[in-house]
Amino acid sequence: MAKSVHALADEICAILDHGQPAWAIPWSDFYTFTERQTMRDSFKNQLRNELWSRSVLICFGQAIVLIAKDYPSAALLRK
């Protein structure tokens, strides 16, 4: 059974809380992670909104899904 938006947000936040400020995941792996075969825009929007409320950004690209904490991490900043 596919994971709910809330359950996915919990898992994503747990991954990011273990010292990883950002996560780039290929679509095929993201589908496996979410336990889904397809993903509607409404689901993506719900997930985006749930993560946004937890200060996590998600970007659905063509080849990857990019997930990152919404704070200035030294590991990600370029000066």
N, C-alpha and C. Protein backbone atom coordinates (compact mmCIF):
# COMPACT_ATOMS: atom_id res chain seq x y z
N MET A 1 0.84 -1.19 0.00
CA MET A 1 0.00 0.00 0.00
C MET A 1 0.88 1.24 0.00
N ALA A 2 0.48 2.23 -0.76
CA ALA A 2 1.25 3.48 -0.87
C ALA A 2 1.25 4.22 0.46
N LYS A 3 2.37 4.86 0.74
CA LYS A 3 2.50 5.62 1.99
C LYS A 3 1.72 6.93 1.89
N SER A 4 1.21 7.38 3.02
CA SER A 4 0.48 8.64 3.07
C SER A 4 1.46 9.82 3.02
N VAL A 5 0.94 10.98 2.73
CA VAL A 5 1.74 12.19 2.69
C VAL A 5 2.42 12.42 4.05
N HIS A 6 1.66 12.26 5.12
CA HIS A 6 2.20 12.48 6.46
C HIS A 6 3.33 11.49 6.77
N ALA A 7 3.12 10.22 6.44
CA ALA A 7 4.15 9.20 6.69
C ALA A 7 5.41 9.48 5.88
N LEU A 8 5.25 9.89 4.63
CA LEU A 8 6.40 10.22 3.79
C LEU A 8 7.16 11.42 4.34
N ALA A 9 6.43 12.43 4.75
CA ALA A 9 7.07 13.61 5.31
C ALA A 9 7.86 13.24 6.57
N ASP A 10 7.30 12.37 7.41
CA ASP A 10 8.01 11.91 8.60
C ASP A 10 9.31 11.22 8.21
N GLU A 11 9.27 10.33 7.23
CA GLU A 11 10.46 9.59 6.80
C GLU A 11 11.51 10.52 6.18
N ILE A 12 11.06 11.44 5.35
CA ILE A 12 11.98 12.39 4.71
C ILE A 12 12.67 13.24 5.77
N CYS A 13 11.91 13.75 6.72
CA CYS A 13 12.50 14.57 7.78
C CYS A 13 13.48 13.76 8.62
N ALA A 14 13.18 12.50 8.87
CA ALA A 14 14.10 11.65 9.63
C ALA A 14 15.42 11.48 8.88
N ILE A 15 15.35 11.30 7.57
CA ILE A 15 16.57 11.17 6.75
C ILE A 15 17.39 12.45 6.82
N LEU A 16 16.71 13.59 6.68
CA LEU A 16 17.42 14.88 6.70
C LEU A 16 17.95 15.21 8.09
N ASP A 17 17.31 14.71 9.14
CA ASP A 17 17.76 14.98 10.51
C ASP A 17 19.00 14.18 10.89
N HIS A 18 19.38 13.23 10.08
CA HIS A 18 20.57 12.43 10.37
C HIS A 18 21.81 13.00 9.68
N GLY A 19 21.91 14.33 9.65
CA GLY A 19 23.10 14.99 9.17
C GLY A 19 23.18 15.23 7.67
N GLN A 20 22.13 14.93 6.95
CA GLN A 20 22.13 15.11 5.50
C GLN A 20 21.25 16.33 5.18
N PRO A 21 21.84 17.50 4.82
CA PRO A 21 21.02 18.69 4.60
C PRO A 21 20.20 18.66 3.31
N ALA A 22 20.59 17.80 2.37
CA ALA A 22 19.86 17.71 1.10
C ALA A 22 19.96 16.29 0.57
N TRP A 23 19.00 15.97 -0.30
CA TRP A 23 18.92 14.61 -0.83
C TRP A 23 18.44 14.69 -2.28
N ALA A 24 19.23 14.19 -3.20
CA ALA A 24 18.83 14.10 -4.61
C ALA A 24 18.57 12.62 -4.89
N ILE A 25 17.36 12.31 -5.33
CA ILE A 25 16.97 10.91 -5.53
C ILE A 25 16.38 10.74 -6.94
N PRO A 26 16.88 9.78 -7.71
CA PRO A 26 16.30 9.55 -9.04
C PRO A 26 14.81 9.17 -8.91
N TRP A 27 14.05 9.52 -9.93
CA TRP A 27 12.61 9.25 -9.90
C TRP A 27 12.30 7.78 -9.62
N SER A 28 13.03 6.87 -10.24
CA SER A 28 12.73 5.44 -10.04
C SER A 28 12.88 5.07 -8.56
N ASP A 29 13.89 5.61 -7.90
CA ASP A 29 14.09 5.34 -6.47
C ASP A 29 13.03 6.05 -5.63
N PHE A 30 12.61 7.23 -6.08
CA PHE A 30 11.57 7.95 -5.33
C PHE A 30 10.25 7.21 -5.39
N TYR A 31 9.91 6.64 -6.54
CA TYR A 31 8.69 5.84 -6.63
C TYR A 31 8.78 4.64 -5.69
N THR A 32 9.93 4.00 -5.61
CA THR A 32 10.11 2.87 -4.70
C THR A 32 9.98 3.34 -3.25
N PHE A 33 10.62 4.46 -2.93
CA PHE A 33 10.57 5.01 -1.57
C PHE A 33 9.13 5.32 -1.15
N THR A 34 8.35 5.87 -2.08
CA THR A 34 6.97 6.25 -1.76
C THR A 34 6.00 5.08 -1.88
N GLU A 35 6.50 3.97 -2.41
CA GLU A 35 5.68 2.78 -2.65
C GLU A 35 4.51 3.09 -3.59
N ARG A 36 4.82 3.87 -4.63
CA ARG A 36 3.82 4.23 -5.64
C ARG A 36 4.33 3.89 -7.02
N GLN A 37 3.40 3.64 -7.93
CA GLN A 37 3.76 3.39 -9.33
C GLN A 37 3.53 4.62 -10.18
N THR A 38 2.61 5.46 -9.75
CA THR A 38 2.33 6.73 -10.41
C THR A 38 2.18 7.80 -9.34
N MET A 39 2.21 9.04 -9.76
CA MET A 39 2.09 10.13 -8.80
C MET A 39 1.35 11.29 -9.45
N ARG A 40 0.20 11.59 -8.95
CA ARG A 40 -0.60 12.69 -9.48
C ARG A 40 -0.08 14.03 -8.97
N ASP A 41 -0.38 15.09 -9.72
CA ASP A 41 0.03 16.43 -9.30
C ASP A 41 -0.56 16.79 -7.94
N SER A 42 -1.79 16.35 -7.67
CA SER A 42 -2.41 16.66 -6.38
C SER A 42 -1.62 16.05 -5.22
N PHE A 43 -1.10 14.83 -5.42
CA PHE A 43 -0.28 14.21 -4.38
C PHE A 43 1.03 14.98 -4.20
N LYS A 44 1.66 15.36 -5.30
CA LYS A 44 2.91 16.13 -5.22
C LYS A 44 2.68 17.44 -4.48
N ASN A 45 1.57 18.11 -4.76
CA ASN A 45 1.26 19.38 -4.09
C ASN A 45 1.00 19.16 -2.60
N GLN A 46 0.31 18.09 -2.26
CA GLN A 46 0.07 17.79 -0.84
C GLN A 46 1.39 17.52 -0.12
N LEU A 47 2.28 16.75 -0.75
CA LEU A 47 3.58 16.46 -0.16
C LEU A 47 4.41 17.73 -0.04
N ARG A 48 4.41 18.55 -1.08
CA ARG A 48 5.15 19.82 -1.05
C ARG A 48 4.65 20.70 0.11
N ASN A 49 3.33 20.80 0.28
CA ASN A 49 2.76 21.63 1.35
C ASN A 49 3.09 21.07 2.73
N GLU A 50 3.02 19.76 2.88
CA GLU A 50 3.34 19.14 4.18
C GLU A 50 4.81 19.37 4.53
N LEU A 51 5.70 19.20 3.55
CA LEU A 51 7.12 19.42 3.81
C LEU A 51 7.41 20.89 4.06
N TRP A 52 6.74 21.77 3.33
CA TRP A 52 6.91 23.21 3.52
C TRP A 52 6.58 23.59 4.97
N SER A 53 5.53 23.00 5.52
CA SER A 53 5.15 23.31 6.91
C SER A 53 6.21 22.82 7.89
N ARG A 54 7.10 21.94 7.45
CA ARG A 54 8.19 21.42 8.29
C ARG A 54 9.54 22.03 7.90
N SER A 55 9.51 23.10 7.13
CA SER A 55 10.73 23.80 6.66
C SER A 55 11.62 22.90 5.81
N VAL A 56 11.00 22.14 4.94
CA VAL A 56 11.72 21.29 4.00
C VAL A 56 11.22 21.63 2.59
N LEU A 57 12.15 21.80 1.67
CA LEU A 57 11.82 22.11 0.28
C LEU A 57 11.91 20.85 -0.57
N ILE A 58 11.02 20.72 -1.55
CA ILE A 58 11.08 19.60 -2.49
C ILE A 58 10.87 20.14 -3.89
N CYS A 59 11.68 19.66 -4.81
CA CYS A 59 11.60 20.07 -6.21
C CYS A 59 11.51 18.82 -7.06
N PHE A 60 10.48 18.74 -7.88
CA PHE A 60 10.28 17.59 -8.76
C PHE A 60 10.85 17.92 -10.13
N GLY A 61 12.07 17.44 -10.41
CA GLY A 61 12.72 17.69 -11.68
C GLY A 61 12.36 16.63 -12.71
N GLN A 62 13.03 16.68 -13.84
CA GLN A 62 12.80 15.70 -14.91
C GLN A 62 13.47 14.37 -14.58
N ALA A 63 14.66 14.39 -14.00
CA ALA A 63 15.41 13.17 -13.73
C ALA A 63 15.49 12.82 -12.26
N ILE A 64 15.42 13.84 -11.39
CA ILE A 64 15.55 13.60 -9.95
C ILE A 64 14.50 14.36 -9.17
N VAL A 65 14.36 13.98 -7.91
CA VAL A 65 13.60 14.74 -6.94
C VAL A 65 14.63 15.28 -5.96
N LEU A 66 14.63 16.58 -5.75
CA LEU A 66 15.59 17.22 -4.86
C LEU A 66 14.87 17.66 -3.60
N ILE A 67 15.40 17.25 -2.46
CA ILE A 67 14.80 17.56 -1.17
C ILE A 67 15.88 18.19 -0.31
N ALA A 68 15.55 19.29 0.38
CA ALA A 68 16.54 19.97 1.20
C ALA A 68 15.86 20.69 2.36
N LYS A 69 16.60 20.80 3.46
CA LYS A 69 16.13 21.61 4.58
C LYS A 69 16.16 23.08 4.16
N ASP A 70 15.20 23.85 4.63
CA ASP A 70 15.10 25.27 4.30
C ASP A 70 15.86 26.10 5.34
N TYR A 71 17.19 25.95 5.32
CA TYR A 71 18.05 26.76 6.17
C TYR A 71 19.43 26.82 5.52
N PRO A 72 20.22 27.82 5.89
CA PRO A 72 21.52 28.01 5.24
C PRO A 72 22.59 27.04 5.76
N SER A 73 22.62 25.86 5.25
CA SER A 73 23.60 24.86 5.64
C SER A 73 24.96 25.19 5.05
N ALA A 74 26.00 25.13 5.87
CA ALA A 74 27.36 25.40 5.39
C ALA A 74 27.76 24.44 4.27
N ALA A 75 27.24 23.22 4.31
CA ALA A 75 27.57 22.23 3.29
C ALA A 75 26.98 22.58 1.92
N LEU A 76 25.94 23.40 1.90
CA LEU A 76 25.28 23.72 0.64
C LEU A 76 25.56 25.13 0.14
N LEU A 77 26.00 26.03 1.02
CA LEU A 77 26.20 27.42 0.62
C LEU A 77 27.49 27.60 -0.17
N ARG A 78 27.43 28.43 -1.18
CA ARG A 78 28.59 28.82 -1.98
C ARG A 78 28.75 30.32 -1.84
N LYS A 79 29.97 30.74 -1.59
CA LYS A 79 30.22 32.19 -1.45
C LYS A 79 31.16 32.65 -2.50
